PDB file of N, CA and C in Angstrom:
ATOM      1  N   GLU A   1       9.169   2.947   9.978  1.00  0.00           N
ATOM      2  CA  GLU A   1       8.966   3.864  10.900  1.00  0.00           C
ATOM      3  C   GLU A   1       8.795   5.270   9.321  1.00  0.00           C
ATOM      4  N   VAL A   2       9.684   5.153   9.058  1.00  0.00           N
ATOM      5  CA  VAL A   2       9.686   6.852   8.531  1.00  0.00           C
ATOM      6  C   VAL A   2       8.230   6.187   7.308  1.00  0.00           C
ATOM      7  N   LEU A   3       8.174   5.554   6.759  1.00  0.00           N
ATOM      8  CA  LEU A   3       6.735   4.870   5.694  1.00  0.00           C
ATOM      9  C   LEU A   3       5.880   5.336   6.195  1.00  0.00           C
ATOM     10  N   SER A   4       6.044   5.362   8.055  1.00  0.00           N
ATOM     11  CA  SER A   4       4.816   4.749   8.876  1.00  0.00           C
ATOM     12  C   SER A   4       4.519   6.059   9.700  1.00  0.00           C
ATOM     13  N   ASP A   5       5.130   7.555   9.612  1.00  0.00           N
ATOM     14  CA  ASP A   5       4.819   8.585   9.842  1.00  0.00           C
ATOM     15  C   ASP A   5       4.088   9.301   8.844  1.00  0.00           C
ATOM     16  N   ALA A   6       2.670   9.255   9.284  1.00  0.00           N
ATOM     17  CA  ALA A   6       0.806   9.343   8.116  1.00  0.00           C
ATOM     18  C   ALA A   6       1.724  11.350   8.169  1.00  0.00           C
ATOM     19  N   GLU A   7       1.881  12.337   8.860  1.00  0.00           N
ATOM     20  CA  GLU A   7       2.267  13.616   9.109  1.00  0.00           C
ATOM     21  C   GLU A   7       3.433  13.830   8.391  1.00  0.00           C
ATOM     22  N   SER A   8       4.769  13.291   8.383  1.00  0.00           N
ATOM     23  CA  SER A   8       5.195  14.206   7.704  1.00  0.00           C
ATOM     24  C   SER A   8       6.140  13.389   6.598  1.00  0.00           C
ATOM     25  N   VAL A   9       5.559  12.711   6.268  1.00  0.00           N
ATOM     26  CA  VAL A   9       6.590  11.228   5.385  1.00  0.00           C
ATOM     27  C   VAL A   9       6.974  12.172   3.654  1.00  0.00           C
ATOM     28  N   THR A  10       7.828  12.644   3.281  1.00  0.00           N
ATOM     29  CA  THR A  10       7.697  13.256   2.345  1.00  0.00           C
ATOM     30  C   THR A  10       8.188  11.585   0.945  1.00  0.00           C
ATOM     31  N   GLU A  11       8.113  12.954   0.225  1.00  0.00           N
ATOM     32  CA  GLU A  11       8.293  11.778  -1.330  1.00  0.00           C
ATOM     33  C   GLU A  11       9.875  11.578  -1.289  1.00  0.00           C
ATOM     34  N   GLU A  12      11.257  12.051  -1.093  1.00  0.00           N
ATOM     35  CA  GLU A  12      12.429  12.002  -0.322  1.00  0.00           C
ATOM     36  C   GLU A  12      11.894  11.284  -0.117  1.00  0.00           C
ATOM     37  N   GLN A  13      11.756  10.673   1.804  1.00  0.00           N
ATOM     38  CA  GLN A  13      12.002   9.918   2.364  1.00  0.00           C
ATOM     39  C   GLN A  13      12.090   8.425   1.473  1.00  0.00           C
ATOM     40  N   VAL A  14      10.419   8.642   1.346  1.00  0.00           N
ATOM     41  CA  VAL A  14       9.628   7.166   0.309  1.00  0.00           C
ATOM     42  C   VAL A  14      11.542   6.313  -0.487  1.00  0.00           C
ATOM     43  N   ASP A  15      11.246   7.548  -1.764  1.00  0.00           N
ATOM     44  CA  ASP A  15      11.961   7.294  -2.327  1.00  0.00           C
ATOM     45  C   ASP A  15      14.033   6.215  -1.157  1.00  0.00           C
ATOM     46  N   GLU A  16      14.301   7.238  -0.882  1.00  0.00           N
ATOM     47  CA  GLU A  16      15.036   7.146   0.383  1.00  0.00           C
ATOM     48  C   GLU A  16      15.312   5.843   0.087  1.00  0.00           C
ATOM     49  N   VAL A  17      14.752   5.627   1.688  1.00  0.00           N
ATOM     50  CA  VAL A  17      14.323   4.207   2.205  1.00  0.00           C
ATOM     51  C   VAL A  17      13.795   2.872   0.711  1.00  0.00           C
ATOM     52  N   LEU A  18      13.070   3.827  -0.627  1.00  0.00           N
ATOM     53  CA  LEU A  18      12.986   2.384  -1.309  1.00  0.00           C
ATOM     54  C   LEU A  18      14.524   2.487  -2.487  1.00  0.00           C
ATOM     55  N   LYS A  19      15.360   2.938  -2.891  1.00  0.00           N
ATOM     56  CA  LYS A  19      16.440   2.755  -2.615  1.00  0.00           C
ATOM     57  C   LYS A  19      17.702   2.823  -1.816  1.00  0.00           C
ATOM     58  N   GLN A  20      17.484   2.326  -0.447  1.00  0.00           N
ATOM     59  CA  GLN A  20      18.303   1.652   1.073  1.00  0.00           C
ATOM     60  C   GLN A  20      17.688   0.391   0.133  1.00  0.00           C
ATOM     61  N   PHE A  21      15.994  -0.205   0.459  1.00  0.00           N
ATOM     62  CA  PHE A  21      16.048  -1.117  -0.157  1.00  0.00           C
ATOM     63  C   PHE A  21      16.756  -2.204  -0.530  1.00  0.00           C
ATOM     64  N   LEU A  22      16.656  -1.764  -2.242  1.00  0.00           N
ATOM     65  CA  LEU A  22      17.127  -2.546  -3.532  1.00  0.00           C
ATOM     66  C   LEU A  22      18.825  -2.649  -3.275  1.00  0.00           C
ATOM     67  N   LYS A  23      19.245  -1.852  -2.874  1.00  0.00           N
ATOM     68  CA  LYS A  23      20.540  -1.417  -2.492  1.00  0.00           C
ATOM     69  C   LYS A  23      21.009  -2.580  -1.538  1.00  0.00           C
ATOM     70  N   ASP A  24      20.193  -2.641  -0.759  1.00  0.00           N
ATOM     71  CA  ASP A  24      20.385  -4.640   0.428  1.00  0.00           C
ATOM     72  C   ASP A  24      20.507  -5.165  -0.737  1.00  0.00           C
ATOM     73  N   PHE A  25      19.426  -5.461  -0.909  1.00  0.00           N
ATOM     74  CA  PHE A  25      18.009  -7.041  -2.318  1.00  0.00           C
ATOM     75  C   PHE A  25      19.647  -6.906  -2.545  1.00  0.00           C
ATOM     76  N   LYS A  26      20.021  -6.307  -3.602  1.00  0.00           N
ATOM     77  CA  LYS A  26      21.155  -6.501  -5.103  1.00  0.00           C
ATOM     78  C   LYS A  26      22.188  -7.224  -4.073  1.00  0.00           C
ATOM     79  N   GLU A  27      22.401  -6.847  -2.513  1.00  0.00           N
ATOM     80  CA  GLU A  27      23.837  -6.981  -1.670  1.00  0.00           C
ATOM     81  C   GLU A  27      23.399  -8.583  -1.073  1.00  0.00           C
ATOM     82  N   GLY A  28      22.194  -8.369  -1.749  1.00  0.00           N
ATOM     83  CA  GLY A  28      22.052  -9.440  -0.758  1.00  0.00           C
ATOM     84  C   GLY A  28      22.075  -9.604   1.065  1.00  0.00           C
ATOM     85  N   SER A  29      21.639  -8.430   1.597  1.00  0.00           N
ATOM     86  CA  SER A  29      20.946  -8.773   2.887  1.00  0.00           C
ATOM     87  C   SER A  29      20.393  -7.554   2.915  1.00  0.00           C
ATOM     88  N   LEU A  30      19.018  -8.543   2.753  1.00  0.00           N
ATOM     89  CA  LEU A  30      18.189  -7.530   3.722  1.00  0.00           C
ATOM     90  C   LEU A  30      17.577  -8.293   5.359  1.00  0.00           C
ATOM     91  N   LYS A  31      18.046  -9.288   5.278  1.00  0.00           N
ATOM     92  CA  LYS A  31      17.868  -9.736   6.757  1.00  0.00           C
ATOM     93  C   LYS A  31      19.136  -9.902   7.807  1.00  0.00           C
ATOM     94  N   ASP A  32      19.893  -9.178   6.999  1.00  0.00           N
ATOM     95  CA  ASP A  32      21.639  -8.495   7.920  1.00  0.00           C
ATOM     96  C   ASP A  32      20.476  -7.148   8.250  1.00  0.00           C
ATOM     97  N   GLN A  33      20.354  -6.226   7.137  1.00  0.00           N
ATOM     98  CA  GLN A  33      19.315  -5.139   7.966  1.00  0.00           C
ATOM     99  C   GLN A  33      18.036  -4.730   7.953  1.00  0.00           C
ATOM    100  N   GLY A  34      17.305  -5.505   8.745  1.00  0.00           N
ATOM    101  CA  GLY A  34      16.304  -5.870   9.050  1.00  0.00           C
ATOM    102  C   GLY A  34      15.387  -5.283   8.402  1.00  0.00           C
ATOM    103  N   TRP A  35      15.114  -5.807   7.375  1.00  0.00           N
ATOM    104  CA  TRP A  35      14.404  -6.094   6.206  1.00  0.00           C
ATOM    105  C   TRP A  35      12.986  -7.066   6.014  1.00  0.00           C
ATOM    106  N   PRO A  36      11.687  -7.134   6.191  1.00  0.00           N
ATOM    107  CA  PRO A  36      11.075  -8.131   6.173  1.00  0.00           C
ATOM    108  C   PRO A  36      11.767  -9.327   5.218  1.00  0.00           C
ATOM    109  N   ILE A  37      11.221 -10.508   6.051  1.00  0.00           N
ATOM    110  CA  ILE A  37      12.009 -11.881   5.202  1.00  0.00           C
ATOM    111  C   ILE A  37      11.447 -12.040   4.212  1.00  0.00           C
ATOM    112  N   TYR A  38      10.180 -13.020   4.362  1.00  0.00           N
ATOM    113  CA  TYR A  38       9.225 -13.529   3.500  1.00  0.00           C
ATOM    114  C   TYR A  38       8.405 -11.629   2.827  1.00  0.00           C
ATOM    115  N   PHE A  39       8.074 -11.775   0.959  1.00  0.00           N
ATOM    116  CA  PHE A  39       7.378 -11.584   0.449  1.00  0.00           C
ATOM    117  C   PHE A  39       7.590  -9.877   0.723  1.00  0.00           C
ATOM    118  N   SER A  40       9.260  -9.832   0.773  1.00  0.00           N
ATOM    119  CA  SER A  40       9.756  -8.522   1.353  1.00  0.00           C
ATOM    120  C   SER A  40       9.274  -7.191   0.859  1.00  0.00           C
ATOM    121  N   ALA A  41       9.570  -7.834  -0.799  1.00  0.00           N
ATOM    122  CA  ALA A  41       9.594  -6.453  -1.892  1.00  0.00           C
ATOM    123  C   ALA A  41       8.098  -6.614  -1.850  1.00  0.00           C
ATOM    124  N   TYR A  42       7.154  -7.288  -2.281  1.00  0.00           N
ATOM    125  CA  TYR A  42       5.580  -6.784  -1.544  1.00  0.00           C
ATOM    126  C   TYR A  42       5.679  -6.216  -0.917  1.00  0.00           C
ATOM    127  N   THR A  43       5.466  -6.693  -0.176  1.00  0.00           N
ATOM    128  CA  THR A  43       5.693  -6.304   1.540  1.00  0.00           C
ATOM    129  C   THR A  43       5.936  -4.507   1.321  1.00  0.00           C
ATOM    130  N   LEU A  44       6.946  -4.030   0.597  1.00  0.00           N
ATOM    131  CA  LEU A  44       7.953  -2.746   1.218  1.00  0.00           C
ATOM    132  C   LEU A  44       6.934  -2.118   0.107  1.00  0.00           C
ATOM    133  N   SER A  45       7.102  -2.745  -0.846  1.00  0.00           N
ATOM    134  CA  SER A  45       5.656  -2.040  -2.284  1.00  0.00           C
ATOM    135  C   SER A  45       4.597  -1.046  -2.208  1.00  0.00           C
ATOM    136  N   LYS A  46       3.866  -2.283  -1.182  1.00  0.00           N
ATOM    137  CA  LYS A  46       2.640  -1.976  -0.276  1.00  0.00           C
ATOM    138  C   LYS A  46       3.129  -1.110   1.379  1.00  0.00           C
ATOM    139  N   ALA A  47       4.299  -1.216   2.141  1.00  0.00           N
ATOM    140  CA  ALA A  47       3.945   0.768   2.706  1.00  0.00           C
ATOM    141  C   ALA A  47       4.513   1.415   2.339  1.00  0.00           C
ATOM    142  N   ALA A  48       5.163   1.625   0.388  1.00  0.00           N
ATOM    143  CA  ALA A  48       5.320   2.940   0.197  1.00  0.00           C
ATOM    144  C   ALA A  48       4.110   3.348  -0.548  1.00  0.00           C
ATOM    145  N   MET A  49       3.131   2.178  -1.289  1.00  0.00           N
ATOM    146  CA  MET A  49       1.968   2.761  -1.769  1.00  0.00           C
ATOM    147  C   MET A  49       1.168   3.682  -1.117  1.00  0.00           C
ATOM    148  N   ASN A  50       1.194   2.747   0.105  1.00  0.00           N
ATOM    149  CA  ASN A  50      -0.247   3.975   1.465  1.00  0.00           C
ATOM    150  C   ASN A  50       0.639   4.789   1.518  1.00  0.00           C
ATOM    151  N   ALA A  51       1.864   5.541   1.475  1.00  0.00           N
ATOM    152  CA  ALA A  51       2.243   6.563   2.315  1.00  0.00           C
ATOM    153  C   ALA A  51       2.610   7.390   0.617  1.00  0.00           C
ATOM    154  N   TYR A  52       2.800   7.254  -0.619  1.00  0.00           N
ATOM    155  CA  TYR A  52       2.436   7.646  -1.641  1.00  0.00           C
ATOM    156  C   TYR A  52       0.934   8.113  -1.513  1.00  0.00           C
ATOM    157  N   THR A  53      -0.054   7.629  -1.007  1.00  0.00           N
ATOM    158  CA  THR A  53      -1.276   7.783  -1.296  1.00  0.00           C
ATOM    159  C   THR A  53      -1.341   8.894  -0.220  1.00  0.00           C
ATOM    160  N   ARG A  54      -1.262   8.635   0.650  1.00  0.00           N
ATOM    161  CA  ARG A  54      -1.068   9.940   1.564  1.00  0.00           C
ATOM    162  C   ARG A  54      -0.857  11.525   1.113  1.00  0.00           C
ATOM    163  N   ILE A  55       0.489  11.129   0.956  1.00  0.00           N
ATOM    164  CA  ILE A  55       1.272  12.179   0.172  1.00  0.00           C
ATOM    165  C   ILE A  55       0.784  13.137  -1.000  1.00  0.00           C
ATOM    166  N   VAL A  56       0.163  12.438  -1.704  1.00  0.00           N
ATOM    167  CA  VAL A  56      -0.484  12.769  -2.981  1.00  0.00           C
ATOM    168  C   VAL A  56      -2.090  13.496  -2.800  1.00  0.00           C
ATOM    169  N   ALA A  57      -1.908  12.575  -1.970  1.00  0.00           N
ATOM    170  CA  ALA A  57      -4.414  12.978  -1.289  1.00  0.00           C
ATOM    171  C   ALA A  57      -3.445  14.763  -0.343  1.00  0.00           C
ATOM    172  N   ASN A  58      -2.776  14.591   0.425  1.00  0.00           N
ATOM    173  CA  ASN A  58      -2.483  16.089   1.250  1.00  0.00           C
ATOM    174  C   ASN A  58      -1.498  17.237  -0.600  1.00  0.00           C
ATOM    175  N   LYS A  59      -0.998  16.216  -0.852  1.00  0.00           N
ATOM    176  CA  LYS A  59      -1.055  17.685  -2.533  1.00  0.00           C
ATOM    177  C   LYS A  59      -1.977  18.165  -2.984  1.00  0.00           C
ATOM    178  N   TYR A  60      -2.537  17.196  -3.098  1.00  0.00           N
ATOM    179  CA  TYR A  60      -4.255  17.653  -4.483  1.00  0.00           C
ATOM    180  C   TYR A  60      -4.615  17.804  -3.384  1.00  0.00           C
ATOM    181  N   PRO A  61      -5.503  18.001  -2.243  1.00  0.00           N
ATOM    182  CA  PRO A  61      -7.061  17.803  -1.706  1.00  0.00           C
ATOM    183  C   PRO A  61      -8.189  18.086  -2.765  1.00  0.00           C
ATOM    184  N   SER A  62      -7.753  18.224  -3.767  1.00  0.00           N
ATOM    185  CA  SER A  62      -9.246  18.809  -4.738  1.00  0.00           C
ATOM    186  C   SER A  62      -9.549  16.653  -5.210  1.00  0.00           C
ATOM    187  N   PHE A  63      -8.533  16.346  -5.167  1.00  0.00           N
ATOM    188  CA  PHE A  63      -8.380  14.808  -5.581  1.00  0.00           C
ATOM    189  C   PHE A  63      -9.266  13.879  -4.609  1.00  0.00           C
ATOM    190  N   LEU A  64      -9.820  12.900  -5.096  1.00  0.00           N
ATOM    191  CA  LEU A  64      -9.374  11.753  -3.680  1.00  0.00           C
ATOM    192  C   LEU A  64      -8.703  10.857  -3.905  1.00  0.00           C
ATOM    193  N   VAL A  65      -7.577  10.707  -3.821  1.00  0.00           N
ATOM    194  CA  VAL A  65      -6.228   9.578  -3.082  1.00  0.00           C
ATOM    195  C   VAL A  65      -6.510   8.500  -2.080  1.00  0.00           C
ATOM    196  N   ASN A  66      -6.928   7.403  -2.908  1.00  0.00           N
ATOM    197  CA  ASN A  66      -6.448   6.353  -1.637  1.00  0.00           C
ATOM    198  C   ASN A  66      -6.339   5.008  -1.733  1.00  0.00           C
ATOM    199  N   SER A  67      -5.649   4.032  -0.892  1.00  0.00           N
ATOM    200  CA  SER A  67      -5.410   2.880  -1.419  1.00  0.00           C
ATOM    201  C   SER A  67      -5.793   1.950  -0.806  1.00  0.00           C
ATOM    202  N   ILE A  68      -6.274   0.506  -1.679  1.00  0.00           N
ATOM    203  CA  ILE A  68      -6.920  -0.381  -1.023  1.00  0.00           C
ATOM    204  C   ILE A  68      -6.227  -1.868  -1.127  1.00  0.00           C
ATOM    205  N   GLY A  69      -6.402  -2.500  -0.228  1.00  0.00           N
ATOM    206  CA  GLY A  69      -6.170  -3.942  -0.453  1.00  0.00           C
ATOM    207  C   GLY A  69      -7.693  -5.135  -0.121  1.00  0.00           C
ATOM    208  N   PRO A  70      -7.753  -5.330  -1.700  1.00  0.00           N
ATOM    209  CA  PRO A  70      -9.072  -6.115  -2.072  1.00  0.00           C
ATOM    210  C   PRO A  70      -8.961  -6.832  -0.874  1.00  0.00           C
ATOM    211  N   GLY A  71      -8.709  -7.225   0.097  1.00  0.00           N
ATOM    212  CA  GLY A  71      -9.157  -8.707   0.076  1.00  0.00           C
ATOM    213  C   GLY A  71      -8.155 -10.528   0.220  1.00  0.00           C
ATOM    214  N   PHE A  72      -7.882 -10.923   0.989  1.00  0.00           N
ATOM    215  CA  PHE A  72      -7.725 -12.845   0.231  1.00  0.00           C
ATOM    216  C   PHE A  72      -8.260 -13.413  -0.370  1.00  0.00           C
ATOM    217  N   VAL A  73      -8.104 -12.620  -1.778  1.00  0.00           N
ATOM    218  CA  VAL A  73      -8.504 -12.820  -3.006  1.00  0.00           C
ATOM    219  C   VAL A  73      -7.137 -14.457  -3.907  1.00  0.00           C
ATOM    220  N   LYS A  74      -8.477 -15.258  -3.731  1.00  0.00           N
ATOM    221  CA  LYS A  74      -7.527 -16.329  -5.164  1.00  0.00           C
ATOM    222  C   LYS A  74      -7.172 -15.857  -6.990  1.00  0.00           C
ATOM    223  N   THR A  75      -5.958 -15.706  -6.234  1.00  0.00           N
ATOM    224  CA  THR A  75      -4.891 -15.248  -7.318  1.00  0.00           C
ATOM    225  C   THR A  75      -3.758 -16.142  -7.378  1.00  0.00           C
ATOM    226  N   ASP A  76      -2.518 -15.787  -8.176  1.00  0.00           N
ATOM    227  CA  ASP A  76      -1.593 -16.559  -8.338  1.00  0.00           C
ATOM    228  C   ASP A  76       0.091 -16.166  -7.444  1.00  0.00           C
ATOM    229  N   ILE A  77      -1.021 -15.291  -6.718  1.00  0.00           N
ATOM    230  CA  ILE A  77      -0.013 -15.612  -5.499  1.00  0.00           C
ATOM    231  C   ILE A  77      -0.756 -15.585  -3.806  1.00  0.00           C
ATOM    232  N   THR A  78      -1.264 -15.803  -4.078  1.00  0.00           N
ATOM    233  CA  THR A  78      -1.871 -16.896  -3.151  1.00  0.00           C
ATOM    234  C   THR A  78      -2.016 -17.794  -2.948  1.00  0.00           C
ATOM    235  N   CYS A  79      -1.446 -18.472  -3.818  1.00  0.00           N
ATOM    236  CA  CYS A  79      -1.591 -20.102  -4.345  1.00  0.00           C
ATOM    237  C   CYS A  79      -2.811 -20.163  -4.921  1.00  0.00           C
ATOM    238  N   ASN A  80      -3.560 -19.677  -4.908  1.00  0.00           N
ATOM    239  CA  ASN A  80      -5.703 -19.700  -5.274  1.00  0.00           C
ATOM    240  C   ASN A  80      -6.014 -19.723  -3.576  1.00  0.00           C
ATOM    241  N   THR A  81      -5.177 -20.085  -2.738  1.00  0.00           N
ATOM    242  CA  THR A  81      -6.129 -20.282  -1.285  1.00  0.00           C
ATOM    243  C   THR A  81      -7.152 -18.993  -1.455  1.00  0.00           C
ATOM    244  N   GLY A  82      -6.822 -17.555  -1.590  1.00  0.00           N
ATOM    245  CA  GLY A  82      -7.897 -16.335  -0.699  1.00  0.00           C
ATOM    246  C   GLY A  82      -9.058 -16.678  -0.743  1.00  0.00           C
ATOM    247  N   VAL A  83      -9.831 -16.769   0.373  1.00  0.00           N
ATOM    248  CA  VAL A  83     -11.488 -16.785   0.776  1.00  0.00           C
ATOM    249  C   VAL A  83     -12.402 -16.369  -0.106  1.00  0.00           C
ATOM    250  N   LEU A  84     -11.842 -14.997  -1.132  1.00  0.00           N
ATOM    251  CA  LEU A  84     -12.468 -14.663  -2.351  1.00  0.00           C
ATOM    252  C   LEU A  84     -12.474 -14.622  -3.407  1.00  0.00           C
ATOM    253  N   THR A  85     -13.206 -14.141  -3.982  1.00  0.00           N
ATOM    254  CA  THR A  85     -12.985 -15.064  -6.030  1.00  0.00           C
ATOM    255  C   THR A  85     -12.242 -14.001  -6.387  1.00  0.00           C
ATOM    256  N   ALA A  86     -12.222 -13.102  -7.097  1.00  0.00           N
ATOM    257  CA  ALA A  86     -11.443 -11.888  -7.813  1.00  0.00           C
ATOM    258  C   ALA A  86     -12.622 -11.020  -8.053  1.00  0.00           C
ATOM    259  N   ALA A  87     -13.805 -11.575  -8.771  1.00  0.00           N
ATOM    260  CA  ALA A  87     -14.666 -10.620  -8.605  1.00  0.00           C
ATOM    261  C   ALA A  87     -15.160 -10.224  -6.910  1.00  0.00           C
ATOM    262  N   GLU A  88     -15.305 -10.737  -6.501  1.00  0.00           N
ATOM    263  CA  GLU A  88     -15.318 -10.110  -5.565  1.00  0.00           C
ATOM    264  C   GLU A  88     -14.451  -9.017  -4.378  1.00  0.00           C
ATOM    265  N   GLY A  89     -12.837  -9.802  -4.788  1.00  0.00           N
ATOM    266  CA  GLY A  89     -12.586  -8.610  -4.717  1.00  0.00           C
ATOM    267  C   GLY A  89     -12.674  -7.186  -5.786  1.00  0.00           C
ATOM    268  N   ALA A  90     -12.554  -7.729  -6.578  1.00  0.00           N
ATOM    269  CA  ALA A  90     -13.019  -6.121  -7.460  1.00  0.00           C
ATOM    270  C   ALA A  90     -14.331  -5.477  -7.289  1.00  0.00           C
ATOM    271  N   GLU A  91     -14.930  -6.040  -6.609  1.00  0.00           N
ATOM    272  CA  GLU A  91     -15.910  -5.283  -5.871  1.00  0.00           C
ATOM    273  C   GLU A  91     -15.630  -3.959  -5.276  1.00  0.00           C
ATOM    274  N   ASN A  92     -14.560  -4.184  -4.234  1.00  0.00           N
ATOM    275  CA  ASN A  92     -14.539  -3.721  -3.282  1.00  0.00           C
ATOM    276  C   ASN A  92     -12.780  -2.788  -3.635  1.00  0.00           C
ATOM    277  N   VAL A  93     -12.658  -2.817  -4.948  1.00  0.00           N
ATOM    278  CA  VAL A  93     -11.490  -1.864  -6.095  1.00  0.00           C
ATOM    279  C   VAL A  93     -12.729  -0.742  -6.942  1.00  0.00           C
ATOM    280  N   ALA A  94     -13.720  -1.598  -7.218  1.00  0.00           N
ATOM    281  CA  ALA A  94     -14.769  -0.383  -8.065  1.00  0.00           C
ATOM    282  C   ALA A  94     -15.669   0.191  -6.611  1.00  0.00           C
ATOM    283  N   ARG A  95     -15.793  -0.338  -6.437  1.00  0.00           N
ATOM    284  CA  ARG A  95     -16.046   1.057  -4.898  1.00  0.00           C
ATOM    285  C   ARG A  95     -16.197   1.695  -4.416  1.00  0.00           C
ATOM    286  N   LEU A  96     -14.587   1.264  -4.192  1.00  0.00           N
ATOM    287  CA  LEU A  96     -13.838   2.696  -3.923  1.00  0.00           C
ATOM    288  C   LEU A  96     -13.855   3.792  -5.126  1.00  0.00           C
ATOM    289  N   ALA A  97     -13.070   3.747  -6.451  1.00  0.00           N
ATOM    290  CA  ALA A  97     -13.073   4.297  -7.588  1.00  0.00           C
ATOM    291  C   ALA A  97     -14.609   4.889  -7.357  1.00  0.00           C
ATOM    292  N   LEU A  98     -15.839   4.568  -7.015  1.00  0.00           N
ATOM    293  CA  LEU A  98     -16.638   5.216  -7.126  1.00  0.00           C
ATOM    294  C   LEU A  98     -17.485   6.394  -5.985  1.00  0.00           C
ATOM    295  N   LEU A  99     -16.681   6.489  -5.001  1.00  0.00           N
ATOM    296  CA  LEU A  99     -16.540   7.451  -3.507  1.00  0.00           C
ATOM    297  C   LEU A  99     -17.663   8.671  -4.299  1.00  0.00           C
ATOM    298  N   PRO A 100     -18.578   9.519  -3.622  1.00  0.00           N
ATOM    299  CA  PRO A 100     -18.364  10.525  -3.836  1.00  0.00           C
ATOM    300  C   PRO A 100     -17.902  11.616  -4.355  1.00  0.00           C
ATOM    301  N   ASN A 101     -18.089  12.188  -4.601  1.00  0.00           N
ATOM    302  CA  ASN A 101     -17.528  13.390  -4.606  1.00  0.00           C
ATOM    303  C   ASN A 101     -15.868  14.174  -3.222  1.00  0.00           C
ATOM    304  N   ASP A 102     -17.371  13.363  -1.979  1.00  0.00           N
ATOM    305  CA  ASP A 102     -16.905  14.317  -1.024  1.00  0.00           C
ATOM    306  C   ASP A 102     -16.763  13.151  -0.271  1.00  0.00           C
ATOM    307  N   GLY A 103     -15.817  11.617  -0.875  1.00  0.00           N
ATOM    308  CA  GLY A 103     -15.926  10.911   0.175  1.00  0.00           C
ATOM    309  C   GLY A 103     -14.252  11.185   0.478  1.00  0.00           C
ATOM    310  N   PRO A 104     -14.088  10.121   1.470  1.00  0.00           N
ATOM    311  CA  PRO A 104     -12.141  10.210   2.094  1.00  0.00           C
ATOM    312  C   PRO A 104     -11.242   9.906   1.287  1.00  0.00           C
ATOM    313  N   SER A 105     -10.464  11.146   1.447  1.00  0.00           N
ATOM    314  CA  SER A 105      -8.941  10.626   0.895  1.00  0.00           C
ATOM    315  C   SER A 105      -8.152  10.654   1.521  1.00  0.00           C
ATOM    316  N   GLY A 106      -6.591  10.043   1.241  1.00  0.00           N
ATOM    317  CA  GLY A 106      -6.073  10.081   1.924  1.00  0.00           C
ATOM    318  C   GLY A 106      -6.077   8.600   3.090  1.00  0.00           C
ATOM    319  N   HIS A 107      -6.379   7.479   2.785  1.00  0.00           N
ATOM    320  CA  HIS A 107      -6.472   6.437   3.307  1.00  0.00           C
ATOM    321  C   HIS A 107      -6.572   5.068   2.690  1.00  0.00           C
ATOM    322  N   PHE A 108      -6.130   4.072   4.316  1.00  0.00           N
ATOM    323  CA  PHE A 108      -6.189   2.995   3.450  1.00  0.00           C
ATOM    324  C   PHE A 108      -7.447   2.471   3.878  1.00  0.00           C
ATOM    325  N   PHE A 109      -8.370   1.595   3.032  1.00  0.00           N
ATOM    326  CA  PHE A 109      -8.936   0.473   2.517  1.00  0.00           C
ATOM    327  C   PHE A 109      -8.679  -0.141   2.986  1.00  0.00           C
ATOM    328  N   LEU A 110      -9.300  -1.816   3.879  1.00  0.00           N
ATOM    329  CA  LEU A 110      -8.606  -3.274   3.304  1.00  0.00           C
ATOM    330  C   LEU A 110     -10.183  -3.916   3.272  1.00  0.00           C
ATOM    331  N   ARG A 111     -10.576  -4.000   2.424  1.00  0.00           N
ATOM    332  CA  ARG A 111     -12.065  -4.389   2.455  1.00  0.00           C
ATOM    333  C   ARG A 111     -12.888  -3.021   1.688  1.00  0.00           C
ATOM    334  N   LYS A 112     -13.819  -2.985   2.601  1.00  0.00           N
ATOM    335  CA  LYS A 112     -14.308  -2.436   2.670  1.00  0.00           C
ATOM    336  C   LYS A 112     -14.697  -1.058   3.327  1.00  0.00           C
ATOM    337  N   GLU A 113     -13.787  -0.586   4.247  1.00  0.00           N
ATOM    338  CA  GLU A 113     -13.627  -0.346   5.535  1.00  0.00           C
ATOM    339  C   GLU A 113     -11.928   0.476   5.833  1.00  0.00           C
ATOM    340  N   VAL A 114     -12.264   1.777   6.143  1.00  0.00           N
ATOM    341  CA  VAL A 114     -11.408   2.571   6.508  1.00  0.00           C
ATOM    342  C   VAL A 114      -9.812   1.446   7.454  1.00  0.00           C
ATOM    343  N   SER A 115      -9.277   1.583   7.637  1.00  0.00           N
ATOM    344  CA  SER A 115      -7.564   0.834   8.263  1.00  0.00           C
ATOM    345  C   SER A 115      -6.746   1.780   8.585  1.00  0.00           C
ATOM    346  N   SER A 116      -5.594   0.906   9.282  1.00  0.00           N
ATOM    347  CA  SER A 116      -4.771   1.928   9.375  1.00  0.00           C
ATOM    348  C   SER A 116      -3.731   1.641   8.657  1.00  0.00           C
ATOM    349  N   PHE A 117      -2.500   2.024   8.033  1.00  0.00           N
ATOM    350  CA  PHE A 117      -1.707   2.095   7.320  1.00  0.00           C
ATOM    351  C   PHE A 117      -0.782   1.111   7.888  1.00  0.00           C
TER     352      PHE A 117
END
C-alpha cells in the first residue's frame, strides 16, 4: 500500500518497506507476512522502482523520469516464452529514452502506453 501512494510516498518509506522485505526474506517469513509468493523479490523491486520514479520526477521537475515494462519479452526470466523479441522490447525502451523535452514525467509505461502503477 505504501508504495502505491503516488502523492505522498517518500524515499524513507520505500527504503523501510525494502528493509522489512529483506528481513522477512532472511527469516523465511514472506508468506506469513503477506508478501507476494511468486517472484517476490522481482515484484517488490518493480514496485520500488515505480515509487522511486515518482519521487525523483517530483524532486527534479526539469528532468524526465519514467519507468517502463517493455512487454512480455523472450528472455531467460520468461523461459523464452515471451511474445516479443528482445529487439522489440528494446524499441519500447529506446522510444521512452528519446521522448521530447516536454514529454511526460513520473509515469510508468507498459510497452508504448502510459499505465497505472
